[in-house]
Amino acid sequence: MATALPWQDPLASSISSVTLFTLVALCLTTFTRKVRKGYHDFLALGPGGTPSTPAGYLRICVLRIFTLRNPLNPPPIPSYIHPQSGILNDLPKRTGSRPEVVGIAPQRQMTDRGPKAIYYALTAAIKELSLRHPDSLFLGISRFEKHNTGLFSLPRCQSHLTCNGEICHSHAYDGSMHLTLHPADVKTIIEKGWDHLRRIVVD
């Protein structure tokens, strides 16, 4: 008596179909839950440079492919930067752990958040700098955050234009700042435990 091969056996074929359907359903459920959680985590970061929409979240998912794998690895100093040394050599070493930061755009500090008074002080200091140096600095809407005031250098003062010359902006959400610094100062800040590179870095 001839024996039916597995792909010729209706019962075996039915079991295989059910198994395949179950596996696909489990994968889709897991994927959907992960996307849903990721989207809600993205919304919880608050407003920033990326729209708080499904399209904005998709953009972040794509950008994540190109982010820095190790934000604690300081960048090299390009040959066109002069001087080659920074100005933060005397920065004291941070006591305690480095602040926890999450997100890409927006990026938010989750620990050691500054109170509102710190944010107002930072905002006032940024404004004061622009008033003291009107020949080289000006205020504008941050190219990164879109909701905060940023400090910019005038085009004629720039040897290497990046993001319209934005120097810094502060965040009302956590009292922190994003800064454009000399690579040597970036290295100092990382080594002394104060911060790390933003995962999306513009040269």
N, C-alpha and C. Protein backbone atom coordinates (compact mmCIF):
# COMPACT_ATOMS: atom_id res chain seq x y z
N MET A 1 0.85 -1.18 0.00
CA MET A 1 0.00 0.00 0.00
C MET A 1 0.90 1.25 0.00
N ALA A 2 0.64 2.15 -0.90
CA ALA A 2 1.45 3.36 -1.03
C ALA A 2 1.18 4.31 0.14
N THR A 3 2.24 4.97 0.61
CA THR A 3 2.13 5.93 1.71
C THR A 3 2.17 7.35 1.15
N ALA A 4 1.25 8.17 1.61
CA ALA A 4 1.18 9.55 1.12
C ALA A 4 2.34 10.36 1.67
N LEU A 5 2.96 11.14 0.80
CA LEU A 5 4.03 12.03 1.24
C LEU A 5 3.43 13.16 2.08
N PRO A 6 4.25 13.82 2.93
CA PRO A 6 3.72 14.86 3.83
C PRO A 6 2.93 15.94 3.10
N TRP A 7 3.44 16.38 1.94
CA TRP A 7 2.73 17.44 1.23
C TRP A 7 1.50 16.95 0.47
N GLN A 8 1.36 15.58 0.47
CA GLN A 8 0.17 14.99 -0.16
C GLN A 8 -0.88 14.60 0.87
N ASP A 9 -0.52 14.63 2.15
CA ASP A 9 -1.42 14.24 3.22
C ASP A 9 -2.25 15.45 3.65
N PRO A 10 -3.57 15.41 3.47
CA PRO A 10 -4.42 16.56 3.82
C PRO A 10 -4.29 16.95 5.30
N LEU A 11 -4.18 15.98 6.21
CA LEU A 11 -4.09 16.27 7.63
C LEU A 11 -2.77 16.99 7.95
N ALA A 12 -1.66 16.47 7.39
CA ALA A 12 -0.36 17.09 7.62
C ALA A 12 -0.33 18.50 7.04
N SER A 13 -0.93 18.66 5.88
CA SER A 13 -0.98 19.97 5.23
C SER A 13 -1.79 20.95 6.07
N SER A 14 -2.87 20.49 6.66
CA SER A 14 -3.72 21.34 7.49
C SER A 14 -2.98 21.78 8.76
N ILE A 15 -2.26 20.81 9.38
CA ILE A 15 -1.49 21.14 10.59
C ILE A 15 -0.40 22.16 10.27
N SER A 16 0.27 21.99 9.12
CA SER A 16 1.32 22.93 8.72
C SER A 16 0.75 24.32 8.50
N SER A 17 -0.42 24.41 7.91
CA SER A 17 -1.05 25.70 7.66
C SER A 17 -1.40 26.40 8.97
N VAL A 18 -1.95 25.60 9.92
CA VAL A 18 -2.30 26.17 11.22
C VAL A 18 -1.05 26.66 11.95
N THR A 19 0.02 25.86 11.90
CA THR A 19 1.27 26.25 12.56
C THR A 19 1.83 27.53 11.96
N LEU A 20 1.81 27.59 10.63
CA LEU A 20 2.31 28.78 9.95
C LEU A 20 1.46 30.01 10.30
N PHE A 21 0.15 29.84 10.31
CA PHE A 21 -0.75 30.95 10.65
C PHE A 21 -0.50 31.43 12.08
N THR A 22 -0.29 30.46 12.99
CA THR A 22 -0.04 30.82 14.40
C THR A 22 1.25 31.60 14.55
N LEU A 23 2.29 31.16 13.85
CA LEU A 23 3.58 31.85 13.92
C LEU A 23 3.48 33.27 13.36
N VAL A 24 2.79 33.41 12.24
CA VAL A 24 2.62 34.73 11.63
C VAL A 24 1.82 35.64 12.57
N ALA A 25 0.76 35.09 13.16
CA ALA A 25 -0.07 35.87 14.08
C ALA A 25 0.74 36.32 15.30
N LEU A 26 1.58 35.43 15.84
CA LEU A 26 2.41 35.79 16.99
C LEU A 26 3.41 36.88 16.64
N CYS A 27 4.02 36.75 15.46
CA CYS A 27 5.00 37.74 15.02
C CYS A 27 4.33 39.11 14.83
N LEU A 28 3.16 39.12 14.21
CA LEU A 28 2.44 40.37 13.98
C LEU A 28 2.01 41.01 15.29
N THR A 29 1.56 40.18 16.24
CA THR A 29 1.14 40.70 17.54
C THR A 29 2.31 41.33 18.29
N THR A 30 3.45 40.61 18.29
CA THR A 30 4.65 41.12 18.96
C THR A 30 5.12 42.42 18.31
N PHE A 31 5.13 42.44 16.98
CA PHE A 31 5.57 43.63 16.25
C PHE A 31 4.64 44.81 16.53
N THR A 32 3.33 44.56 16.53
CA THR A 32 2.36 45.63 16.76
C THR A 32 2.51 46.20 18.17
N ARG A 33 2.70 45.33 19.16
CA ARG A 33 2.88 45.80 20.54
C ARG A 33 4.15 46.63 20.67
N LYS A 34 5.21 46.19 20.00
CA LYS A 34 6.48 46.92 20.08
C LYS A 34 6.35 48.30 19.43
N VAL A 35 5.70 48.36 18.27
CA VAL A 35 5.51 49.64 17.58
C VAL A 35 4.63 50.56 18.42
N ARG A 36 3.56 50.00 19.00
CA ARG A 36 2.65 50.81 19.82
C ARG A 36 3.38 51.39 21.03
N LYS A 37 4.18 50.56 21.70
CA LYS A 37 4.94 51.04 22.86
C LYS A 37 5.96 52.11 22.44
N GLY A 38 6.64 51.85 21.33
CA GLY A 38 7.62 52.81 20.85
C GLY A 38 7.00 54.15 20.50
N TYR A 39 5.81 54.10 19.91
CA TYR A 39 5.12 55.34 19.52
C TYR A 39 4.69 56.13 20.76
N HIS A 40 4.16 55.42 21.76
CA HIS A 40 3.74 56.11 22.98
C HIS A 40 4.94 56.65 23.76
N ASP A 41 6.07 55.94 23.73
CA ASP A 41 7.29 56.45 24.36
C ASP A 41 7.76 57.71 23.64
N PHE A 42 7.63 57.72 22.33
CA PHE A 42 8.00 58.88 21.52
C PHE A 42 7.12 60.08 21.87
N LEU A 43 5.81 59.86 21.99
CA LEU A 43 4.89 60.95 22.34
C LEU A 43 5.17 61.48 23.74
N ALA A 44 5.59 60.58 24.65
CA ALA A 44 5.83 60.98 26.04
C ALA A 44 7.02 61.93 26.16
N LEU A 45 7.87 62.00 25.14
CA LEU A 45 9.02 62.90 25.19
C LEU A 45 8.61 64.36 25.02
N GLY A 46 7.38 64.60 24.56
CA GLY A 46 6.90 65.97 24.41
C GLY A 46 7.27 66.55 23.06
N PRO A 47 6.86 67.78 22.81
CA PRO A 47 7.14 68.42 21.52
C PRO A 47 8.62 68.68 21.31
N GLY A 48 9.02 68.60 20.08
CA GLY A 48 10.41 68.85 19.73
C GLY A 48 10.52 69.16 18.25
N GLY A 49 11.69 68.89 17.66
CA GLY A 49 11.88 69.18 16.25
C GLY A 49 11.14 68.25 15.33
N THR A 50 10.78 67.06 15.83
CA THR A 50 10.04 66.08 15.03
C THR A 50 8.55 66.14 15.39
N PRO A 51 7.66 66.23 14.41
CA PRO A 51 6.22 66.28 14.71
C PRO A 51 5.78 65.07 15.52
N SER A 52 4.92 65.29 16.51
CA SER A 52 4.40 64.20 17.35
C SER A 52 3.25 63.51 16.63
N THR A 53 3.56 62.84 15.54
CA THR A 53 2.59 62.17 14.69
C THR A 53 3.14 60.81 14.29
N PRO A 54 2.28 59.93 13.74
CA PRO A 54 2.80 58.65 13.23
C PRO A 54 3.89 58.84 12.19
N ALA A 55 3.74 59.85 11.32
CA ALA A 55 4.77 60.12 10.32
C ALA A 55 6.07 60.55 10.99
N GLY A 56 5.96 61.34 12.05
CA GLY A 56 7.15 61.76 12.79
C GLY A 56 7.85 60.58 13.43
N TYR A 57 7.06 59.66 13.99
CA TYR A 57 7.64 58.47 14.61
C TYR A 57 8.33 57.59 13.57
N LEU A 58 7.72 57.47 12.38
CA LEU A 58 8.33 56.69 11.30
C LEU A 58 9.67 57.29 10.91
N ARG A 59 9.72 58.62 10.88
CA ARG A 59 10.96 59.31 10.55
C ARG A 59 12.05 58.96 11.56
N ILE A 60 11.69 58.94 12.85
CA ILE A 60 12.66 58.60 13.89
C ILE A 60 13.13 57.16 13.74
N CYS A 61 12.22 56.26 13.39
CA CYS A 61 12.60 54.85 13.19
C CYS A 61 13.64 54.72 12.09
N VAL A 62 13.49 55.51 11.03
CA VAL A 62 14.45 55.50 9.93
C VAL A 62 15.77 56.12 10.38
N LEU A 63 15.70 57.25 11.08
CA LEU A 63 16.91 57.91 11.56
C LEU A 63 17.71 57.04 12.51
N ARG A 64 17.00 56.19 13.26
CA ARG A 64 17.67 55.33 14.24
C ARG A 64 18.73 54.44 13.58
N ILE A 65 18.53 54.13 12.31
CA ILE A 65 19.49 53.29 11.59
C ILE A 65 20.84 53.99 11.48
N PHE A 66 20.81 55.33 11.42
CA PHE A 66 22.04 56.09 11.18
C PHE A 66 22.61 56.74 12.43
N THR A 67 22.05 56.45 13.61
CA THR A 67 22.52 57.09 14.83
C THR A 67 23.85 56.51 15.30
N LEU A 68 24.54 57.27 16.15
CA LEU A 68 25.80 56.81 16.71
C LEU A 68 25.57 55.58 17.58
N ARG A 69 26.43 54.60 17.44
CA ARG A 69 26.32 53.40 18.26
C ARG A 69 26.92 53.61 19.64
N ASN A 70 27.91 54.48 19.73
CA ASN A 70 28.57 54.74 21.01
C ASN A 70 28.68 56.25 21.22
N PRO A 71 27.72 56.86 21.92
CA PRO A 71 27.77 58.30 22.14
C PRO A 71 28.84 58.75 23.12
N LEU A 72 29.57 57.80 23.69
CA LEU A 72 30.67 58.14 24.61
C LEU A 72 32.02 58.14 23.91
N ASN A 73 32.01 57.96 22.60
CA ASN A 73 33.25 57.97 21.83
C ASN A 73 33.46 59.37 21.24
N PRO A 74 34.39 60.16 21.79
CA PRO A 74 34.55 61.54 21.32
C PRO A 74 34.99 61.60 19.87
N PRO A 75 34.57 62.63 19.14
CA PRO A 75 34.93 62.73 17.72
C PRO A 75 36.37 63.21 17.54
N PRO A 76 36.95 62.92 16.38
CA PRO A 76 38.28 63.47 16.10
C PRO A 76 38.19 64.97 15.84
N ILE A 77 39.30 65.65 15.94
CA ILE A 77 39.33 67.09 15.70
C ILE A 77 39.71 67.33 14.24
N PRO A 78 38.80 67.88 13.43
CA PRO A 78 39.11 68.13 12.01
C PRO A 78 40.29 69.08 11.85
N SER A 79 41.03 68.91 10.80
CA SER A 79 42.24 69.71 10.58
C SER A 79 41.94 71.18 10.33
N TYR A 80 40.69 71.48 9.86
CA TYR A 80 40.37 72.88 9.55
C TYR A 80 40.01 73.70 10.79
N ILE A 81 39.88 73.05 11.96
CA ILE A 81 39.55 73.78 13.18
C ILE A 81 40.81 74.32 13.84
N HIS A 82 40.82 75.63 14.06
CA HIS A 82 41.95 76.27 14.75
C HIS A 82 41.40 77.23 15.80
N PRO A 83 41.91 77.15 17.04
CA PRO A 83 42.97 76.24 17.48
C PRO A 83 42.46 74.81 17.64
N GLN A 84 43.37 73.89 17.82
CA GLN A 84 43.02 72.49 17.99
C GLN A 84 42.66 72.14 19.43
N SER A 85 42.87 73.07 20.35
CA SER A 85 42.56 72.82 21.77
C SER A 85 41.28 73.55 22.16
N GLY A 86 40.62 73.06 23.22
CA GLY A 86 39.39 73.66 23.71
C GLY A 86 39.64 74.61 24.86
N ILE A 87 38.55 74.94 25.58
CA ILE A 87 38.66 75.90 26.69
C ILE A 87 38.14 75.33 28.01
N LEU A 88 37.77 74.05 28.03
CA LEU A 88 37.16 73.47 29.24
C LEU A 88 38.10 72.52 29.97
N ASN A 89 39.40 72.72 29.85
CA ASN A 89 40.35 71.81 30.49
C ASN A 89 40.21 71.78 32.01
N ASP A 90 39.76 72.88 32.60
CA ASP A 90 39.65 72.95 34.06
C ASP A 90 38.27 72.52 34.58
N LEU A 91 37.45 71.98 33.70
CA LEU A 91 36.13 71.50 34.13
C LEU A 91 36.29 70.41 35.17
N PRO A 92 35.64 70.53 36.34
CA PRO A 92 35.80 69.50 37.38
C PRO A 92 35.13 68.19 36.97
N LYS A 93 35.62 67.10 37.52
CA LYS A 93 35.03 65.79 37.26
C LYS A 93 33.67 65.70 37.95
N ARG A 94 32.68 65.17 37.27
CA ARG A 94 31.34 65.06 37.83
C ARG A 94 31.31 63.99 38.92
N THR A 95 30.65 64.29 40.01
CA THR A 95 30.44 63.29 41.06
C THR A 95 29.09 62.61 40.79
N GLY A 96 29.04 61.32 40.98
CA GLY A 96 27.80 60.60 40.69
C GLY A 96 27.77 60.12 39.26
N SER A 97 26.65 59.50 38.89
CA SER A 97 26.52 58.92 37.56
C SER A 97 26.15 59.96 36.51
N ARG A 98 26.38 59.61 35.28
CA ARG A 98 26.05 60.47 34.16
C ARG A 98 24.52 60.54 34.02
N PRO A 99 23.94 61.69 33.65
CA PRO A 99 22.48 61.77 33.49
C PRO A 99 21.97 60.77 32.45
N GLU A 100 20.79 60.23 32.70
CA GLU A 100 20.17 59.30 31.74
C GLU A 100 19.41 60.11 30.69
N VAL A 101 19.71 59.84 29.45
CA VAL A 101 19.08 60.56 28.33
C VAL A 101 18.42 59.56 27.40
N VAL A 102 17.20 59.86 26.95
CA VAL A 102 16.47 58.98 26.05
C VAL A 102 15.99 59.77 24.84
N GLY A 103 15.65 59.02 23.79
CA GLY A 103 15.11 59.66 22.59
C GLY A 103 16.19 60.09 21.62
N ILE A 104 15.74 60.41 20.40
CA ILE A 104 16.65 60.87 19.36
C ILE A 104 16.32 62.32 18.99
N ALA A 105 15.10 62.54 18.56
CA ALA A 105 14.63 63.89 18.22
C ALA A 105 13.12 63.92 18.42
N PRO A 106 12.65 64.38 19.58
CA PRO A 106 13.43 65.06 20.62
C PRO A 106 14.22 64.10 21.50
N GLN A 107 15.22 64.65 22.14
CA GLN A 107 16.02 63.93 23.13
C GLN A 107 15.77 64.58 24.48
N ARG A 108 15.56 63.76 25.51
CA ARG A 108 15.22 64.31 26.82
C ARG A 108 16.05 63.67 27.92
N GLN A 109 16.37 64.49 28.93
CA GLN A 109 17.11 64.03 30.09
C GLN A 109 16.11 63.55 31.13
N MET A 110 16.26 62.30 31.57
CA MET A 110 15.29 61.69 32.47
C MET A 110 15.70 61.77 33.94
N THR A 111 16.98 61.95 34.22
CA THR A 111 17.45 62.06 35.61
C THR A 111 18.16 63.40 35.78
N ASP A 112 18.29 63.83 37.04
CA ASP A 112 18.97 65.10 37.36
C ASP A 112 18.36 66.27 36.59
N ARG A 113 17.06 66.30 36.51
CA ARG A 113 16.40 67.39 35.79
C ARG A 113 16.51 68.70 36.56
N GLY A 114 16.72 69.76 35.82
CA GLY A 114 16.79 71.07 36.46
C GLY A 114 15.41 71.65 36.68
N PRO A 115 15.21 72.41 37.74
CA PRO A 115 13.92 73.06 37.99
C PRO A 115 13.67 74.17 36.98
N LYS A 116 12.44 74.70 36.98
CA LYS A 116 12.08 75.76 36.05
C LYS A 116 13.01 76.97 36.19
N ALA A 117 13.45 77.23 37.41
CA ALA A 117 14.34 78.37 37.63
C ALA A 117 15.62 78.24 36.81
N ILE A 118 16.12 77.00 36.67
CA ILE A 118 17.34 76.77 35.87
C ILE A 118 17.07 77.08 34.41
N TYR A 119 15.91 76.64 33.92
CA TYR A 119 15.56 76.91 32.51
C TYR A 119 15.48 78.42 32.27
N TYR A 120 14.82 79.13 33.18
CA TYR A 120 14.70 80.59 33.01
C TYR A 120 16.07 81.26 33.07
N ALA A 121 16.95 80.75 33.94
CA ALA A 121 18.30 81.32 34.04
C ALA A 121 19.08 81.07 32.75
N LEU A 122 18.95 79.85 32.19
CA LEU A 122 19.63 79.53 30.94
C LEU A 122 19.13 80.42 29.81
N THR A 123 17.80 80.58 29.74
CA THR A 123 17.20 81.41 28.70
C THR A 123 17.68 82.85 28.82
N ALA A 124 17.74 83.36 30.04
CA ALA A 124 18.21 84.73 30.26
C ALA A 124 19.68 84.88 29.88
N ALA A 125 20.48 83.85 30.19
CA ALA A 125 21.91 83.91 29.87
C ALA A 125 22.13 83.90 28.35
N ILE A 126 21.32 83.10 27.65
CA ILE A 126 21.42 83.06 26.18
C ILE A 126 21.08 84.42 25.59
N LYS A 127 20.01 85.03 26.11
CA LYS A 127 19.61 86.35 25.62
C LYS A 127 20.68 87.39 25.92
N GLU A 128 21.26 87.32 27.13
CA GLU A 128 22.28 88.29 27.52
C GLU A 128 23.51 88.18 26.61
N LEU A 129 23.89 86.97 26.25
CA LEU A 129 25.03 86.78 25.35
C LEU A 129 24.80 87.45 24.01
N SER A 130 23.57 87.29 23.49
CA SER A 130 23.26 87.89 22.19
C SER A 130 23.29 89.42 22.28
N LEU A 131 22.88 89.97 23.41
CA LEU A 131 22.88 91.43 23.58
C LEU A 131 24.29 91.98 23.77
N ARG A 132 25.15 91.20 24.43
CA ARG A 132 26.52 91.64 24.67
C ARG A 132 27.39 91.53 23.43
N HIS A 133 27.00 90.65 22.50
CA HIS A 133 27.82 90.44 21.31
C HIS A 133 26.96 90.52 20.04
N PRO A 134 26.31 91.67 19.80
CA PRO A 134 25.42 91.79 18.64
C PRO A 134 26.15 91.72 17.30
N ASP A 135 27.49 91.93 17.34
CA ASP A 135 28.26 91.89 16.10
C ASP A 135 28.58 90.47 15.65
N SER A 136 28.30 89.48 16.51
CA SER A 136 28.63 88.10 16.14
C SER A 136 27.53 87.09 16.49
N LEU A 137 26.58 87.46 17.35
CA LEU A 137 25.55 86.52 17.80
C LEU A 137 24.15 87.10 17.60
N PHE A 138 23.17 86.20 17.44
CA PHE A 138 21.77 86.63 17.37
C PHE A 138 20.87 85.50 17.86
N LEU A 139 19.64 85.86 18.25
CA LEU A 139 18.66 84.88 18.71
C LEU A 139 17.75 84.48 17.56
N GLY A 140 17.22 83.24 17.65
CA GLY A 140 16.28 82.75 16.64
C GLY A 140 15.64 81.47 17.13
N ILE A 141 14.71 80.95 16.36
CA ILE A 141 14.07 79.68 16.71
C ILE A 141 15.03 78.54 16.39
N SER A 142 15.23 77.67 17.35
CA SER A 142 16.15 76.55 17.18
C SER A 142 15.82 75.73 15.95
N ARG A 143 16.85 75.41 15.17
CA ARG A 143 16.65 74.56 13.99
C ARG A 143 16.39 73.12 14.39
N PHE A 144 16.73 72.77 15.62
CA PHE A 144 16.56 71.40 16.09
C PHE A 144 15.24 71.20 16.83
N GLU A 145 14.93 72.10 17.76
CA GLU A 145 13.76 71.93 18.61
C GLU A 145 12.49 72.52 18.02
N LYS A 146 12.61 73.59 17.25
CA LYS A 146 11.47 74.27 16.61
C LYS A 146 10.57 75.02 17.59
N HIS A 147 10.68 74.73 18.89
CA HIS A 147 9.80 75.36 19.88
C HIS A 147 10.58 76.24 20.86
N ASN A 148 11.90 76.20 20.80
CA ASN A 148 12.73 76.92 21.76
C ASN A 148 13.61 77.95 21.07
N THR A 149 14.02 78.93 21.84
CA THR A 149 14.93 79.95 21.33
C THR A 149 16.35 79.42 21.33
N GLY A 150 17.05 79.66 20.23
CA GLY A 150 18.43 79.24 20.12
C GLY A 150 19.36 80.42 19.94
N LEU A 151 20.63 80.21 20.24
CA LEU A 151 21.67 81.23 20.03
C LEU A 151 22.44 80.84 18.77
N PHE A 152 22.61 81.81 17.86
CA PHE A 152 23.26 81.57 16.58
C PHE A 152 24.44 82.52 16.38
N SER A 153 25.40 82.08 15.59
CA SER A 153 26.48 82.97 15.17
C SER A 153 26.15 83.53 13.80
N LEU A 154 26.53 84.79 13.57
CA LEU A 154 26.28 85.41 12.28
C LEU A 154 27.09 84.71 11.19
N PRO A 155 26.52 84.59 9.99
CA PRO A 155 27.22 83.88 8.91
C PRO A 155 28.64 84.36 8.66
N ARG A 156 28.87 85.67 8.78
CA ARG A 156 30.21 86.18 8.49
C ARG A 156 31.24 85.77 9.56
N CYS A 157 30.74 85.24 10.69
CA CYS A 157 31.65 84.81 11.76
C CYS A 157 31.92 83.30 11.69
N GLN A 158 31.38 82.65 10.68
CA GLN A 158 31.48 81.20 10.60
C GLN A 158 32.46 80.78 9.52
N SER A 159 33.32 79.86 9.86
CA SER A 159 34.23 79.30 8.87
C SER A 159 33.68 77.99 8.31
N HIS A 160 32.72 77.39 9.04
CA HIS A 160 32.15 76.11 8.61
C HIS A 160 30.68 76.11 9.03
N LEU A 161 29.80 76.50 8.12
CA LEU A 161 28.38 76.67 8.43
C LEU A 161 27.68 75.33 8.65
N THR A 162 27.05 75.18 9.80
CA THR A 162 26.28 73.98 10.12
C THR A 162 24.99 74.40 10.82
N CYS A 163 23.84 73.95 10.29
CA CYS A 163 22.55 74.23 10.91
C CYS A 163 22.35 75.71 11.20
N ASN A 164 22.69 76.52 10.20
CA ASN A 164 22.50 77.97 10.29
C ASN A 164 23.33 78.60 11.41
N GLY A 165 24.37 77.89 11.83
CA GLY A 165 25.25 78.44 12.86
C GLY A 165 24.70 78.35 14.27
N GLU A 166 23.78 77.41 14.53
CA GLU A 166 23.21 77.31 15.89
C GLU A 166 24.27 76.86 16.89
N ILE A 167 24.35 77.61 17.98
CA ILE A 167 25.34 77.32 19.03
C ILE A 167 24.72 76.51 20.16
N CYS A 168 23.52 76.90 20.60
CA CYS A 168 22.89 76.20 21.72
C CYS A 168 21.41 76.53 21.81
N HIS A 169 20.68 75.72 22.56
CA HIS A 169 19.30 76.01 22.94
C HIS A 169 19.01 75.25 24.23
N SER A 170 18.11 75.79 25.03
CA SER A 170 17.75 75.15 26.30
C SER A 170 16.38 74.49 26.18
N HIS A 171 16.08 73.57 27.11
CA HIS A 171 14.83 72.82 27.08
C HIS A 171 14.00 73.11 28.34
N ALA A 172 12.79 73.58 28.12
CA ALA A 172 11.90 73.84 29.25
C ALA A 172 11.49 72.53 29.93
N TYR A 173 11.49 71.45 29.19
CA TYR A 173 11.01 70.15 29.69
C TYR A 173 11.84 69.64 30.85
N ASP A 174 13.18 69.78 30.75
CA ASP A 174 14.04 69.20 31.78
C ASP A 174 15.15 70.13 32.27
N GLY A 175 15.17 71.37 31.77
CA GLY A 175 16.18 72.32 32.21
C GLY A 175 17.57 72.04 31.66
N SER A 176 17.66 71.20 30.63
CA SER A 176 18.96 70.87 30.05
C SER A 176 19.24 71.74 28.83
N MET A 177 20.39 71.52 28.21
CA MET A 177 20.78 72.28 27.02
C MET A 177 21.39 71.35 25.98
N HIS A 178 21.28 71.74 24.73
CA HIS A 178 22.08 71.15 23.66
C HIS A 178 23.07 72.21 23.21
N LEU A 179 24.33 71.82 23.08
CA LEU A 179 25.40 72.76 22.76
C LEU A 179 26.22 72.26 21.58
N THR A 180 26.68 73.19 20.78
CA THR A 180 27.68 72.90 19.75
C THR A 180 29.03 73.32 20.33
N LEU A 181 29.93 72.36 20.50
CA LEU A 181 31.19 72.62 21.18
C LEU A 181 32.38 72.23 20.32
N HIS A 182 33.52 72.76 20.69
CA HIS A 182 34.79 72.35 20.08
C HIS A 182 34.98 70.85 20.38
N PRO A 183 35.45 70.06 19.40
CA PRO A 183 35.63 68.62 19.65
C PRO A 183 36.50 68.31 20.87
N ALA A 184 37.50 69.15 21.14
CA ALA A 184 38.34 68.91 22.32
C ALA A 184 37.54 69.08 23.60
N ASP A 185 36.61 70.05 23.61
CA ASP A 185 35.75 70.25 24.78
C ASP A 185 34.73 69.12 24.91
N VAL A 186 34.26 68.61 23.78
CA VAL A 186 33.37 67.45 23.81
C VAL A 186 34.07 66.28 24.49
N LYS A 187 35.31 66.05 24.13
CA LYS A 187 36.10 64.96 24.73
C LYS A 187 36.23 65.17 26.24
N THR A 188 36.50 66.41 26.66
CA THR A 188 36.64 66.71 28.09
C THR A 188 35.35 66.44 28.84
N ILE A 189 34.24 66.89 28.29
CA ILE A 189 32.93 66.71 28.94
C ILE A 189 32.58 65.23 29.09
N ILE A 190 32.87 64.45 28.05
CA ILE A 190 32.58 63.02 28.10
C ILE A 190 33.47 62.33 29.13
N GLU A 191 34.77 62.62 29.08
CA GLU A 191 35.70 61.95 29.99
C GLU A 191 35.46 62.30 31.46
N LYS A 192 34.93 63.49 31.71
CA LYS A 192 34.69 63.91 33.10
C LYS A 192 33.26 63.61 33.56
N GLY A 193 32.52 62.86 32.75
CA GLY A 193 31.24 62.31 33.20
C GLY A 193 30.05 63.24 33.15
N TRP A 194 30.13 64.36 32.41
CA TRP A 194 29.02 65.31 32.41
C TRP A 194 27.96 64.99 31.37
N ASP A 195 28.36 64.48 30.26
CA ASP A 195 27.38 64.30 29.18
C ASP A 195 27.93 63.33 28.15
N HIS A 196 27.24 63.23 27.03
CA HIS A 196 27.69 62.41 25.90
C HIS A 196 27.21 63.06 24.61
N LEU A 197 27.65 62.53 23.52
CA LEU A 197 27.24 63.06 22.23
C LEU A 197 25.77 62.79 21.98
N ARG A 198 25.13 63.70 21.28
CA ARG A 198 23.78 63.41 20.81
C ARG A 198 23.91 62.33 19.75
N ARG A 199 22.95 61.42 19.71
CA ARG A 199 23.09 60.27 18.81
C ARG A 199 23.00 60.66 17.34
N ILE A 200 22.38 61.81 17.07
CA ILE A 200 22.41 62.34 15.70
C ILE A 200 23.33 63.54 15.73
N VAL A 201 24.49 63.40 15.13
CA VAL A 201 25.49 64.46 15.14
C VAL A 201 25.67 65.00 13.74
N VAL A 202 25.66 66.34 13.63
CA VAL A 202 25.89 67.00 12.34
C VAL A 202 27.28 67.57 12.34
N ASP A 203 28.05 67.22 11.32
CA ASP A 203 29.42 67.71 11.22
C ASP A 203 29.42 69.17 10.73
